[in-house]
Protein backbone atom coordinates (compact mmCIF):
# COMPACT_ATOMS: atom_id res chain seq x y z
CA MET A 1 -23.26 11.84 19.50
CA SER A 2 -21.91 15.60 20.36
CA LYS A 3 -21.34 18.23 16.99
CA SER A 4 -18.95 20.42 19.10
CA ARG A 5 -16.64 22.09 17.11
CA PRO A 6 -13.13 20.18 19.62
CA PRO A 7 -9.85 22.13 18.32
CA GLY A 8 -8.20 22.14 14.86
CA SER A 9 -10.97 20.61 14.07
CA ALA A 10 -13.50 22.21 10.79
CA GLY A 11 -16.41 22.49 12.87
CA LEU A 12 -17.83 19.20 11.27
CA ARG A 13 -21.69 18.63 11.90
CA TYR A 14 -21.16 14.76 10.43
CA GLN A 15 -18.39 13.72 10.28
CA ALA A 16 -17.18 10.63 6.91
CA ASP A 17 -18.47 7.73 9.11
CA GLU A 18 -21.67 9.77 10.06
CA ARG A 19 -25.30 9.06 9.10
CA ALA A 20 -26.60 13.04 7.41
CA PRO A 21 -30.66 12.98 7.53
CA GLY A 22 -31.59 11.90 4.47
CA ALA A 23 -33.43 15.21 2.86
CA LEU A 24 -29.76 17.14 4.07
CA VAL A 25 -27.90 14.37 1.97
CA LEU A 26 -29.75 14.82 -0.98
CA GLY A 27 -30.20 18.56 -0.99
CA LEU A 28 -25.99 18.21 -1.36
CA GLY A 29 -25.83 15.70 -3.57
CA LEU A 30 -28.04 18.03 -5.73
CA GLN A 31 -25.90 20.30 -5.57
CA LEU A 32 -22.41 18.51 -6.02
CA ALA A 33 -23.67 17.50 -8.76
CA LEU A 34 -25.13 20.65 -10.51
CA ILE A 35 -21.64 22.70 -9.90
CA THR A 36 -19.73 19.51 -11.87
CA VAL A 37 -21.71 17.88 -13.66
CA ALA A 38 -20.70 20.01 -16.95
CA VAL A 39 -16.66 18.49 -16.67
CA PRO A 40 -18.09 15.06 -18.07
CA ILE A 41 -19.72 16.90 -20.56
CA LEU A 42 -17.87 19.46 -22.03
CA ILE A 43 -14.35 17.78 -22.15
CA PRO A 44 -15.37 14.67 -23.95
CA THR A 45 -17.05 16.91 -26.29
CA ALA A 46 -14.50 19.42 -26.79
CA VAL A 47 -12.47 16.48 -27.56
CA MET A 48 -14.70 14.29 -29.82
CA ARG A 49 -15.25 17.36 -32.27
CA ALA A 50 -11.68 19.04 -32.09
CA GLY A 51 -10.55 15.08 -33.05
CA GLY A 52 -13.07 15.04 -36.24
CA ALA A 53 -15.65 12.89 -34.51
CA ALA A 54 -18.69 12.35 -35.78
CA GLU A 55 -22.07 14.12 -33.90
CA SER A 56 -23.61 10.47 -33.11
CA TYR A 57 -20.70 9.00 -31.47
CA LEU A 58 -20.44 12.34 -30.02
CA ALA A 59 -23.85 11.92 -27.59
CA TRP A 60 -22.70 8.32 -27.08
CA ALA A 61 -19.04 9.56 -25.41
CA VAL A 62 -21.63 12.05 -23.26
CA PHE A 63 -23.43 9.94 -21.99
CA ALA A 64 -21.26 7.30 -20.85
CA ALA A 65 -18.78 10.30 -19.30
CA VAL A 66 -20.80 11.72 -17.76
CA ALA A 67 -23.52 8.06 -16.29
CA ILE A 68 -19.51 6.37 -15.29
CA SER A 69 -18.84 9.06 -12.90
CA GLY A 70 -22.05 9.15 -11.68
CA VAL A 71 -21.23 5.51 -10.43
CA THR A 72 -17.61 5.82 -9.45
CA THR A 73 -18.56 8.21 -7.21
CA ALA A 74 -21.21 6.89 -5.36
CA LEU A 75 -18.02 3.92 -5.46
CA GLN A 76 -15.51 6.07 -3.86
CA ALA A 77 -17.52 6.09 -0.98
CA THR A 78 -17.53 2.90 -0.33
CA ARG A 79 -14.54 1.01 1.57
CA PHE A 80 -14.80 -2.25 0.09
CA GLY A 81 -11.79 -4.25 0.68
CA ARG A 82 -8.73 -2.35 -1.58
CA ILE A 83 -11.40 -0.82 -3.62
CA GLY A 84 -12.58 2.99 -2.79
CA GLY A 85 -11.76 5.50 -0.79
CA GLY A 86 -14.59 6.16 1.30
CA HIS A 87 -14.39 9.82 1.27
CA VAL A 88 -16.81 12.57 -0.57
CA LEU A 89 -14.72 12.14 -4.03
CA VAL A 90 -16.38 13.27 -6.76
CA MET A 91 -15.46 12.00 -11.03
CA GLY A 92 -15.18 13.47 -13.43
CA SER A 93 -13.27 13.98 -16.90
CA SER A 94 -9.65 14.60 -16.56
CA ALA A 95 -8.61 18.32 -18.53
CA ALA A 96 -4.95 16.51 -18.63
CA PHE A 97 -5.88 14.02 -21.47
CA ILE A 98 -7.63 16.70 -23.68
CA GLY A 99 -4.37 17.02 -25.42
CA VAL A 100 -3.12 13.19 -26.41
CA GLY A 101 -7.06 12.44 -26.63
CA ILE A 102 -7.75 15.51 -28.97
CA THR A 103 -3.92 13.71 -30.51
CA ALA A 104 -5.14 10.04 -30.34
CA VAL A 105 -9.24 10.58 -31.63
CA ALA A 106 -7.44 12.74 -35.00
CA LYS A 107 -5.24 9.86 -35.59
CA GLY A 108 -6.99 6.98 -35.14
CA GLY A 109 -10.47 7.73 -34.49
CA PRO A 110 -12.33 6.36 -30.64
CA ALA A 111 -10.91 2.97 -31.16
CA LEU A 112 -7.44 4.43 -30.55
CA LEU A 113 -8.78 6.35 -28.04
CA ALA A 114 -9.94 3.34 -26.07
CA ILE A 115 -6.81 1.27 -26.08
CA LEU A 116 -5.13 3.76 -25.05
CA VAL A 117 -7.52 4.62 -22.15
CA VAL A 118 -6.92 1.17 -21.30
CA ALA A 119 -3.16 1.13 -21.28
CA ALA A 120 -3.48 3.68 -18.72
CA ALA A 121 -5.98 1.93 -16.39
CA LEU A 122 -3.95 -0.98 -16.09
CA LEU A 123 -1.21 1.05 -15.16
CA GLN A 124 -3.20 3.22 -12.52
CA LEU A 125 -4.30 -0.34 -10.75
CA LEU A 126 -0.97 -1.42 -10.93
CA LEU A 127 0.37 1.61 -8.80
CA SER A 128 -2.38 1.69 -6.44
CA ALA A 129 -1.79 -2.00 -5.44
CA ARG A 130 2.08 -1.01 -4.69
CA LEU A 131 1.35 2.48 -3.54
CA ALA A 132 3.89 1.77 -0.66
CA LEU A 133 6.35 1.47 -3.10
CA PHE A 134 6.22 5.08 -4.48
CA ARG A 135 6.21 6.94 -1.26
CA ARG A 136 9.43 8.13 -1.12
CA ILE A 137 8.51 10.46 -3.88
CA LEU A 138 5.09 10.56 -3.24
CA THR A 139 5.04 12.94 -0.10
CA PRO A 140 2.75 15.18 1.51
CA ALA A 141 4.83 18.60 -0.77
CA VAL A 142 4.02 16.97 -3.98
CA SER A 143 0.29 15.90 -3.09
CA GLY A 144 -0.23 20.19 -1.68
CA THR A 145 2.29 21.36 -4.94
CA VAL A 146 -0.43 19.12 -7.00
CA ILE A 147 -3.71 20.40 -5.41
CA MET A 148 -2.70 23.82 -5.44
CA LEU A 149 -2.67 23.77 -9.37
CA VAL A 150 -5.86 22.85 -9.17
CA PRO A 151 -6.52 26.26 -9.05
CA VAL A 152 -4.22 27.60 -11.57
CA THR A 153 -5.52 25.58 -14.10
CA ALA A 154 -9.12 25.60 -14.24
CA MET A 155 -8.52 30.02 -12.82
CA PRO A 156 -8.55 31.58 -15.90
CA ILE A 157 -12.03 29.43 -17.58
CA VAL A 158 -13.30 30.57 -14.53
CA PHE A 159 -12.46 34.38 -15.21
CA ASP A 160 -14.02 33.59 -18.45
CA MET A 161 -16.62 32.13 -17.74
CA LEU A 162 -17.70 35.26 -15.42
CA GLY A 163 -18.72 37.23 -18.68
CA ASP A 164 -19.92 34.37 -20.54
CA VAL A 165 -22.75 35.73 -21.72
CA PRO A 166 -24.79 36.30 -25.08
CA ASP A 167 -23.87 39.14 -27.78
CA GLY A 168 -25.97 41.88 -27.12
CA SER A 169 -26.61 41.38 -23.29
CA PRO A 170 -26.55 44.47 -20.83
CA ALA A 171 -23.40 45.42 -20.03
CA HIS A 172 -23.34 45.16 -16.66
CA ALA A 173 -25.73 42.44 -16.50
CA PRO A 174 -22.29 40.02 -16.28
CA PRO A 175 -20.27 41.38 -13.43
CA SER A 176 -24.07 42.05 -11.66
CA ILE A 177 -24.94 38.73 -11.45
CA ALA A 178 -21.55 37.40 -10.69
CA LEU A 179 -21.77 40.02 -7.58
CA VAL A 180 -24.89 38.98 -6.68
CA THR A 181 -23.91 35.37 -6.69
CA LEU A 182 -20.64 35.85 -5.00
CA LEU A 183 -21.82 38.09 -1.56
CA ALA A 184 -25.00 35.69 -1.40
CA ILE A 185 -22.33 33.01 -0.36
CA LEU A 186 -19.70 35.47 0.99
CA GLY A 187 -22.36 35.93 2.58
CA VAL A 188 -23.89 32.87 4.05
CA SER A 189 -20.24 31.72 5.00
CA LEU A 190 -18.99 34.02 6.82
CA LYS A 191 -21.86 35.14 8.38
CA GLY A 192 -25.08 32.62 8.09
CA THR A 193 -25.71 30.27 11.05
CA ALA A 194 -24.16 26.34 11.10
CA LYS A 195 -27.97 25.51 9.03
CA LEU A 196 -27.47 28.25 6.66
CA ARG A 197 -24.42 26.86 6.26
CA LEU A 198 -25.21 24.03 4.47
CA TRP A 199 -27.09 25.29 1.60
CA VAL A 200 -24.73 28.00 0.77
CA PRO A 201 -24.31 26.31 -2.81
CA MET A 202 -27.99 26.26 -3.36
CA ILE A 203 -27.89 29.87 -2.31
CA GLY A 204 -25.53 31.17 -3.98
CA VAL A 205 -26.67 29.60 -8.04
CA VAL A 206 -30.68 30.63 -6.76
CA MET A 207 -29.77 34.09 -6.61
CA GLY A 208 -27.50 34.40 -9.53
CA THR A 209 -29.38 32.33 -11.46
CA GLY A 210 -32.78 34.63 -10.53
CA LEU A 211 -31.06 37.84 -11.55
CA ALA A 212 -29.89 36.32 -14.32
CA ALA A 213 -33.54 35.13 -15.20
CA PHE A 214 -33.97 39.22 -14.72
CA PHE A 215 -31.64 39.83 -17.48
CA GLY A 216 -33.61 37.16 -19.52
CA LEU A 217 -29.72 35.08 -19.70
CA TYR A 218 -31.40 31.97 -18.71
CA ASP A 219 -31.86 29.97 -21.80
CA LEU A 220 -35.43 28.59 -21.06
CA ASP A 221 -35.74 27.55 -24.81
CA ARG A 222 -32.99 24.92 -24.35
CA ILE A 223 -34.26 23.67 -21.41
CA ALA A 224 -37.94 23.38 -23.62
CA ALA A 225 -35.71 21.73 -26.82
CA ALA A 226 -34.57 19.35 -24.86
CA ALA A 227 -36.09 15.70 -24.16
CA TRP A 228 -37.32 14.47 -20.92
CA ILE A 229 -36.26 10.62 -21.39
CA GLY A 230 -33.35 10.00 -24.05
CA LEU A 231 -30.72 7.06 -24.38
CA PRO A 232 -28.38 7.97 -27.34
CA ASP A 233 -27.05 4.89 -29.76
CA ILE A 234 -24.46 2.83 -28.18
CA SER A 235 -21.11 2.80 -30.34
CA ILE A 236 -18.89 1.30 -28.54
CA PRO A 237 -15.88 1.49 -30.60
CA GLY A 238 -14.32 -1.29 -29.97
CA PHE A 239 -10.59 -1.30 -29.83
CA ASP A 240 -7.79 -0.81 -32.35
CA LEU A 241 -5.43 -3.79 -31.60
CA ASP A 242 -2.82 -3.05 -35.10
CA PHE A 243 -0.67 -1.22 -32.05
CA GLY A 244 1.17 0.46 -35.00
CA PRO A 245 2.94 3.59 -34.82
CA ASP A 246 0.43 6.16 -33.92
CA PHE A 247 -0.13 3.46 -30.53
CA TRP A 248 3.46 3.10 -29.70
CA ALA A 249 4.34 7.45 -30.01
CA LEU A 250 1.39 8.20 -27.83
CA LEU A 251 1.48 5.29 -24.57
CA PRO A 252 4.22 7.21 -23.01
CA ALA A 253 2.28 10.40 -23.22
CA PHE A 254 -0.71 8.58 -21.84
CA LEU A 255 1.19 6.89 -18.90
CA LEU A 256 2.77 9.65 -17.87
CA THR A 257 -0.76 11.97 -17.94
CA ALA A 258 -2.11 8.11 -16.32
CA VAL A 259 1.03 8.83 -13.34
CA ILE A 260 0.00 12.39 -13.18
CA GLY A 261 -3.73 11.38 -12.87
CA SER A 262 -3.49 9.11 -10.15
CA ILE A 263 -0.55 11.88 -7.82
CA ARG A 264 -4.22 13.95 -8.04
CA ALA A 265 -6.28 11.35 -7.14
CA MET A 266 -3.36 11.13 -3.81
CA SER A 267 -4.28 14.15 -3.69
CA SER A 268 -7.40 14.26 -3.41
CA SER A 269 -7.54 11.62 -1.22
CA THR A 270 -5.28 13.16 1.23
CA ALA A 271 -7.04 16.37 0.99
CA LEU A 272 -10.80 14.80 2.05
CA GLN A 273 -8.88 12.61 4.61
CA ARG A 274 -7.55 16.84 6.29
CA VAL A 275 -11.10 18.30 5.60
CA SER A 276 -13.93 14.74 7.26
CA TRP A 277 -13.41 14.26 10.22
CA ARG A 278 -12.94 16.62 13.65
CA ARG A 279 -9.25 15.44 14.70
CA GLN A 280 -7.21 15.87 12.73
CA ARG A 281 -6.11 11.91 11.95
CA PRO A 282 -2.40 10.60 9.66
CA VAL A 283 -3.45 10.11 6.23
CA ASP A 284 -4.87 6.67 5.96
CA PHE A 285 -2.76 4.92 2.59
CA ARG A 286 -4.92 2.53 2.62
CA ALA A 287 -7.91 4.78 1.82
CA VAL A 288 -5.15 6.28 -0.76
CA GLN A 289 -5.02 2.81 -2.18
CA GLY A 290 -8.43 2.53 -3.04
CA THR A 291 -9.29 6.14 -4.09
CA VAL A 292 -5.86 5.22 -7.11
CA ALA A 293 -8.12 2.17 -7.86
CA VAL A 294 -11.49 3.48 -7.82
CA ASP A 295 -9.76 6.10 -10.40
CA GLY A 296 -7.89 2.81 -12.69
CA MET A 297 -11.26 0.79 -12.37
CA SER A 298 -13.67 4.33 -13.49
CA ASN A 299 -10.74 4.39 -15.99
CA LEU A 300 -10.93 1.16 -17.70
CA LEU A 301 -14.97 1.86 -17.59
CA CYS A 302 -14.38 4.80 -19.91
CA GLY A 303 -11.61 3.09 -22.21
CA LEU A 304 -14.14 0.07 -22.68
CA ALA A 305 -16.86 3.13 -23.15
CA GLY A 306 -14.47 4.67 -25.83
CA THR A 307 -14.54 7.79 -23.70
CA ILE A 308 -12.11 10.25 -22.21
CA PRO A 309 -10.28 8.79 -18.83
CA ASN A 310 -12.02 10.77 -15.64
CA SER A 311 -9.98 11.59 -12.70
CA THR A 312 -10.98 12.14 -9.28
CA TYR A 313 -11.61 15.54 -7.96
CA SER A 314 -11.25 17.56 -4.41
CA HIS A 315 -14.20 20.13 -4.84
CA ALA A 316 -16.14 18.53 -2.53
CA ALA A 317 -13.12 19.54 0.28
CA PRO A 318 -14.12 22.93 0.55
CA ILE A 319 -17.43 22.62 0.29
CA ILE A 320 -16.93 20.32 3.36
CA GLU A 321 -15.85 23.23 5.07
CA ILE A 322 -18.01 25.44 4.19
CA THR A 323 -21.20 23.39 5.39
CA GLY A 324 -19.62 21.15 7.93
CA VAL A 325 -20.81 18.28 5.95
CA ALA A 326 -18.55 14.66 5.04
CA ALA A 327 -20.96 11.80 5.33
CA ARG A 328 -20.09 9.45 3.17
CA ALA A 329 -24.05 9.05 1.34
CA VAL A 330 -23.36 12.50 0.04
CA ALA A 331 -20.95 11.02 -2.69
CA VAL A 332 -23.55 8.28 -3.34
CA ALA A 333 -26.58 11.26 -3.71
CA THR A 334 -24.28 13.13 -5.99
CA GLY A 335 -23.35 9.97 -8.13
CA ALA A 336 -27.01 9.07 -7.78
CA VAL A 337 -27.39 12.86 -9.51
CA PHE A 338 -24.96 12.01 -12.10
CA VAL A 339 -26.75 9.06 -13.82
CA ALA A 340 -29.81 10.18 -13.02
CA LEU A 341 -28.39 13.11 -15.36
CA ALA A 342 -27.65 10.71 -17.92
CA PHE A 343 -31.17 8.90 -18.49
CA LEU A 344 -32.72 13.18 -18.49
CA PRO A 345 -32.10 15.31 -21.21
CA LYS A 346 -34.43 17.95 -19.78
CA ALA A 347 -32.53 17.73 -15.98
CA LEU A 348 -29.35 18.17 -17.66
CA ALA A 349 -30.75 21.23 -19.30
CA VAL A 350 -32.20 22.78 -16.97
CA VAL A 351 -28.12 21.95 -15.42
CA LEU A 352 -26.61 23.51 -18.39
CA ALA A 353 -28.65 26.39 -18.89
CA ILE A 354 -27.36 27.96 -15.71
CA PRO A 355 -25.94 31.12 -16.71
CA GLY A 356 -21.39 31.47 -16.75
CA PRO A 357 -20.99 34.30 -14.06
CA VAL A 358 -23.02 32.42 -11.71
CA VAL A 359 -21.28 29.24 -12.12
CA GLY A 360 -17.61 30.99 -12.26
CA ALA A 361 -18.39 32.88 -9.22
CA TYR A 362 -19.40 30.22 -7.35
CA LEU A 363 -16.20 28.22 -8.65
CA LEU A 364 -14.18 31.17 -7.48
CA VAL A 365 -14.84 30.96 -3.61
CA LEU A 366 -14.13 27.00 -3.88
CA LEU A 367 -11.29 26.84 -5.99
CA ALA A 368 -9.80 29.56 -3.55
CA LEU A 369 -10.55 27.22 -0.72
CA LEU A 370 -8.95 24.72 -2.12
CA PHE A 371 -5.84 26.57 -3.22
CA MET A 372 -5.60 27.01 0.79
CA ILE A 373 -6.08 22.99 1.33
CA GLY A 374 -3.24 22.54 -0.71
CA ILE A 375 -0.67 24.82 1.25
CA GLY A 376 -1.99 23.15 4.20
CA MET A 377 -1.37 19.56 3.14
CA ALA A 378 2.36 21.11 1.89
CA MET A 379 3.17 22.37 5.41
CA GLN A 380 2.24 19.51 7.37
CA ASP A 381 5.37 17.74 8.32
CA GLY A 382 6.21 21.54 8.17
CA MET A 383 9.29 23.32 6.14
CA ASP A 384 12.51 23.60 5.29
CA LEU A 385 14.61 24.66 2.95
CA ARG A 386 15.10 21.31 0.91
CA LYS A 387 10.79 21.51 0.25
CA SER A 388 9.98 25.26 0.18
CA VAL A 389 12.77 24.59 -3.42
CA ILE A 390 10.29 21.65 -4.59
CA VAL A 391 7.05 23.70 -3.81
CA GLY A 392 7.58 26.95 -5.06
CA VAL A 393 9.63 25.56 -8.16
CA SER A 394 7.37 22.95 -8.82
CA PHE A 395 4.20 25.59 -8.14
CA TRP A 396 5.56 28.53 -10.76
CA LEU A 397 7.22 25.93 -13.07
CA GLY A 398 3.40 24.76 -13.19
CA VAL A 399 2.23 28.62 -13.39
CA GLY A 400 4.51 28.88 -16.17
CA PHE A 401 3.47 26.05 -18.32
CA GLN A 402 0.08 26.64 -18.20
CA ASN A 403 0.66 29.97 -18.88
CA GLY A 404 2.37 29.70 -21.96
CA ALA A 405 4.94 31.44 -21.28
CA ILE A 406 7.94 28.44 -20.93
CA PHE A 407 8.79 27.40 -24.00
CA PRO A 408 5.64 27.32 -25.64
CA GLU A 409 6.49 26.42 -28.89
CA LEU A 410 8.06 23.47 -28.21
CA VAL A 411 6.03 22.21 -25.22
CA SER A 412 3.05 22.69 -27.97
CA ASP A 413 4.52 19.77 -29.69
CA PHE A 414 5.50 17.36 -27.61
CA ALA A 415 3.43 14.46 -26.42
CA GLY A 416 -0.01 15.44 -27.97
CA GLY A 417 0.91 18.96 -25.28
CA ILE A 418 0.57 17.20 -22.73
CA PHE A 419 3.09 20.11 -20.36
CA ALA A 420 0.89 22.53 -21.20
CA ASN A 421 -1.43 21.45 -18.26
CA GLY A 422 0.18 22.60 -15.39
CA ILE A 423 -0.79 19.84 -13.23
CA THR A 424 1.18 18.21 -15.06
CA ALA A 425 4.19 20.16 -15.88
CA GLY A 426 4.41 21.15 -12.10
CA GLY A 427 3.32 17.91 -10.46
CA LEU A 428 6.61 16.12 -12.48
CA ALA A 429 9.00 18.78 -11.24
CA ALA A 430 7.81 18.23 -7.81
CA ILE A 431 8.27 14.14 -8.01
CA LEU A 432 11.77 14.71 -10.15
CA MET A 433 13.06 17.34 -7.51
CA THR A 434 11.74 14.83 -4.15
CA LEU A 435 13.92 12.13 -6.28
CA ILE A 436 16.37 13.82 -6.86
CA VAL A 437 16.93 14.75 -2.76
CA GLY A 438 16.31 11.76 -1.83
CA LEU A 439 19.22 10.15 -4.17
CA SER A 440 21.43 12.48 -3.01
CA GLY A 441 20.88 11.98 0.69
CA ALA A 442 22.69 9.15 2.55
CA ARG A 443 22.36 5.72 2.01
CA PRO A 444 20.28 3.36 4.32
CA VAL A 445 21.76 -0.05 6.16
CA ARG A 446 19.52 -2.65 6.72
CA MET A 447 18.52 -5.38 9.04
CA GLU A 448 16.26 -8.21 9.10
CA ALA A 449 14.68 -9.77 11.93
CA GLY A 450 11.41 -11.65 13.45
CA PHE A 451 8.83 -8.87 14.83
CA ALA A 452 8.95 -10.16 17.98
CA VAL A 453 10.91 -9.07 21.40
CA SER A 454 13.33 -11.41 20.81
CA ALA A 455 14.97 -9.69 17.82
CA LEU A 456 15.75 -6.48 20.30
CA PRO A 457 19.26 -7.86 20.98
CA GLU A 458 19.88 -8.05 17.61
CA ILE A 459 18.48 -4.21 16.37
CA ARG A 460 20.52 -3.21 19.56
CA GLU A 461 24.09 -4.46 17.62
CA PHE A 462 22.73 -2.89 14.36
CA LEU A 463 22.18 0.52 15.36
CA ASN A 464 25.58 0.23 17.61
CA ARG A 465 27.53 -0.24 14.59
CA PHE A 466 24.91 2.47 12.51
CA ALA A 467 26.40 5.26 15.38
CA SER A 468 29.94 4.31 15.27
CA ARG A 469 30.15 4.00 11.65
CA HIS A 470 29.20 7.53 11.56
CA GLY A 471 30.81 8.80 14.90
CA TRP A 472 27.99 9.16 17.45
CA ASP A 473 29.09 8.97 20.85
CA GLY A 474 26.84 5.87 23.30
CA ALA A 475 24.39 8.76 24.20
CA MET A 476 23.51 8.89 20.79
CA ALA A 477 23.45 5.19 20.30
CA ASP A 478 21.21 4.28 23.12
CA ARG A 479 18.78 6.80 22.17
CA LEU A 480 18.62 4.81 19.08
CA ASP A 481 18.94 1.32 20.71
CA ALA A 482 15.62 3.11 23.06
CA ALA A 483 13.66 4.33 20.10
CA ALA A 484 13.68 1.16 18.10
CA GLU A 485 12.30 -1.09 21.13
CA GLU A 486 9.88 1.49 22.22
CA THR A 487 8.97 1.31 18.07
CA LEU A 488 8.62 -2.33 18.37
CA LEU A 489 6.64 -2.80 21.44
CA THR A 490 4.55 -0.45 20.11
CA LEU A 491 3.52 -2.04 17.29
CA LEU A 492 3.37 -5.70 18.65
CA ARG A 493 0.69 -6.45 19.43
CA PRO A 494 -0.36 -8.54 22.49
CA GLU A 495 -1.01 -12.57 21.10
CA GLU A 496 1.42 -12.07 18.91
CA GLU A 497 4.54 -13.20 21.44
CA SER A 498 3.01 -16.42 21.49
CA GLU A 499 2.59 -17.37 18.17
CA ALA A 500 5.27 -19.64 16.56
CA PRO A 501 8.07 -17.99 15.49
CA ASP A 502 7.35 -19.72 11.28
CA ARG A 503 3.55 -17.48 12.00
CA ARG A 504 5.17 -14.31 13.28
CA ARG A 505 5.28 -11.05 10.79
CA ARG A 506 8.90 -10.30 9.61
CA LEU A 507 10.64 -6.97 10.58
CA ARG A 508 12.84 -4.55 8.04
CA LEU A 509 14.34 -1.95 9.09
CA SER A 510 16.65 1.02 7.46
CA ALA A 511 18.12 3.05 9.20
CA SER A 512 20.08 6.62 7.55
CA LYS A 513 21.63 10.02 8.04
CA GLY A 514 19.40 12.92 8.26
CA GLU A 515 20.22 16.78 9.05
CA GLY A 516 20.94 16.42 13.02
CA GLY A 517 20.48 13.10 13.57
CA ALA A 518 18.93 9.74 13.11
CA VAL A 519 15.95 8.47 10.29
CA LEU A 520 15.18 4.77 11.73
CA GLU A 521 12.06 3.09 8.94
CA PHE A 522 10.07 0.02 10.60
CA VAL A 523 8.88 -1.79 7.60
CA VAL A 524 6.35 -4.72 8.90
CA ALA A 525 3.32 -6.86 7.70
CA PRO A 526 -0.14 -4.70 8.31
CA GLY A 527 -1.36 -4.17 11.85
CA GLU A 528 -4.93 -2.35 12.79
CA GLU A 529 -3.74 0.67 14.72
CA ASN A 530 -2.18 4.31 13.99
CA VAL A 531 0.77 4.50 16.32
CA GLN A 532 0.68 8.18 14.87
CA GLU A 533 -2.87 8.71 15.45
CA ARG A 534 -2.70 7.28 19.10
CA MET A 535 0.20 9.30 20.39
CA ALA A 536 -1.90 12.12 19.25
CA VAL A 537 -4.34 11.17 21.10
CA LEU A 538 -1.51 10.86 23.57
CA ALA A 539 -0.73 13.90 23.31
CA ALA A 540 -4.20 15.39 23.75
CA GLY A 541 -5.39 14.04 26.95
CA GLY A 542 -7.14 11.04 25.32
CA GLU A 543 -7.33 7.41 27.24
CA GLU A 544 -7.82 5.39 23.35
CA ALA A 545 -3.93 4.54 23.95
CA ALA A 546 -4.25 0.73 25.12
CA VAL A 547 -2.82 0.86 29.39
CA GLY A 548 0.06 -1.31 28.65
CA GLN A 549 1.40 0.05 25.89
CA GLU A 550 0.69 3.79 27.33
CA VAL A 551 4.65 3.86 28.80
CA SER A 552 5.81 2.89 25.38
CA LEU A 553 4.17 5.32 23.72
CA ARG A 554 5.16 8.26 26.10
CA LEU A 555 9.22 7.56 25.85
CA LEU A 556 8.79 7.19 22.48
CA ARG A 557 6.90 10.93 22.31
CA HIS A 558 10.16 12.04 24.30
CA LEU A 559 13.27 9.83 22.07
CA ALA A 560 12.11 11.05 18.27
CA SER A 561 11.67 14.37 17.29
CA SER A 562 8.96 12.58 14.48
CA VAL A 563 7.17 10.07 14.27
CA ARG A 564 5.45 8.99 10.95
CA HIS A 565 2.80 5.82 10.46
CA GLN A 566 2.35 4.99 6.79
CA GLN A 567 -0.56 1.85 6.87
CA TYR A 568 -0.86 0.94 3.37
CA HIS A 569 -3.28 -2.63 2.81
CA ASP A 570 0.42 -5.16 1.94
CA LEU A 571 2.36 -2.95 4.89
CA ASP A 572 2.68 -0.95 7.72
CA ILE A 573 5.66 1.83 7.19
CA VAL A 574 6.88 4.03 10.73
CA THR A 575 9.69 6.67 10.23
CA VAL A 576 11.15 7.61 13.49
CA GLN A 577 13.07 10.53 13.28
CA VAL A 578 15.64 10.60 16.66
CA LYS A 579 17.67 13.75 16.96
CA ALA A 580 21.65 13.60 18.92
CA PRO A 581 22.00 14.69 22.01
CA ALA A 582 23.30 18.12 21.85
CA PRO A 583 27.32 17.62 23.02
CA GLY A 584 27.13 17.37 27.01
CA ALA A 585 23.63 16.57 27.23
């Protein structure tokens, strides 16, 4: 298979469904694990110590967090029914749960934390099963804003890491180490060959760590003191089933944080889909559903084990852009390294001994690229005034809350301080503004019919009444009728016309007035092909469109200003925007 770089691609050597060489997969999995394994170590450590948990329980919480992150990272690479996102999606402890997690451990111990995490996980599983119901608020603008806020929440930590060295170290050591790491990464990324870019993470980390060792800042004593193989005492806390005041006081905060975590999982899935294929594809919402399902399953396991909930990270997206490898096997290798590290304290110590300036310099590059990916997601359907307001205001609200610049005395005391997290505050602001825009728009009118050509007269009559109600002339009514007909013919499978009426799929068609025209939404039971992708192939001169339906696709491209096809496990939703003809046209 050709590995050439077609227009608009990320220059991928291996896209998501291709098999990369085993040594390359293992090497990239090791690199990805090295830069992310600290997350499920440090976050549970911070929560359990701040909440007053025993040191023996802390060891169990960290072990469980690392092991569960590894298993579910590998599971995210699969596409088994409704489970798995099918991309390189790394799981790790969620920073959004730090505030509420500390409060839960302090008030009721790990048992209260466990039952609250299970409740949050069940909500996520419900969201994954009914994701289509939330399609109007979980838009590209919302997803892009959440991804843009991930670097905002992490950058302060990264900047602190650049100078994180033991007291008494030479003053020039931290900037020298960070600069060497940064120059190695940027040099290879910008000027290196395609093969050399595959090893950018390892090259940067090795060169930075080598210089740190020269300054005596690589902690060899920590490695020597760690055991080769170890398993902490199993300390599953069980559940606090008293359901007292502390549970009910914290439950709303946990559920809200779970919703934000689900949005982050959706955003991460969307980000990975954008960089994992050579030809740009519409978002596969079935993969998004699978991503959220694994996120919920991961948190269910975290609740059963009594550790901090997980989140789906998008850190692999910039790595894929640098290395050109999006093969799913990389996620499996990353998960396997996580699990191995959970049982190998000495190997874990090797990773944790990497100095802060090295890790900080590398994360600086990754997060900068991730920010640009978020901008691309927010703008993927264009940017009008409303989207600009939603993205701009939400982003800066997230920045303000994250940095304690907006009513800090109120935010710190509300619901365990969850709004002190920029992703939570900005993501919720984006959702609320999207809801307001949706509720303030024209109310749609709806009809239902059998999904067949025989429904066209009924559809025509419905659209004529709709056009007349809004004062449109016959030309607009004809355009709506033609667009609806071509959409229906494009969605229909050839064999469906011969099916008995009681076995056919049902169609729900809604029509509403939009800016400069109308918006038609077709909702049917799921099919196989994506209309939006087939139209893109047709526009690029591809030959993948079926000959019998090519005429309908070409007519639909001419009639509609935009076509968006969202495929879920339980529904297919095609949204067609039709501009009103200019007067006298």
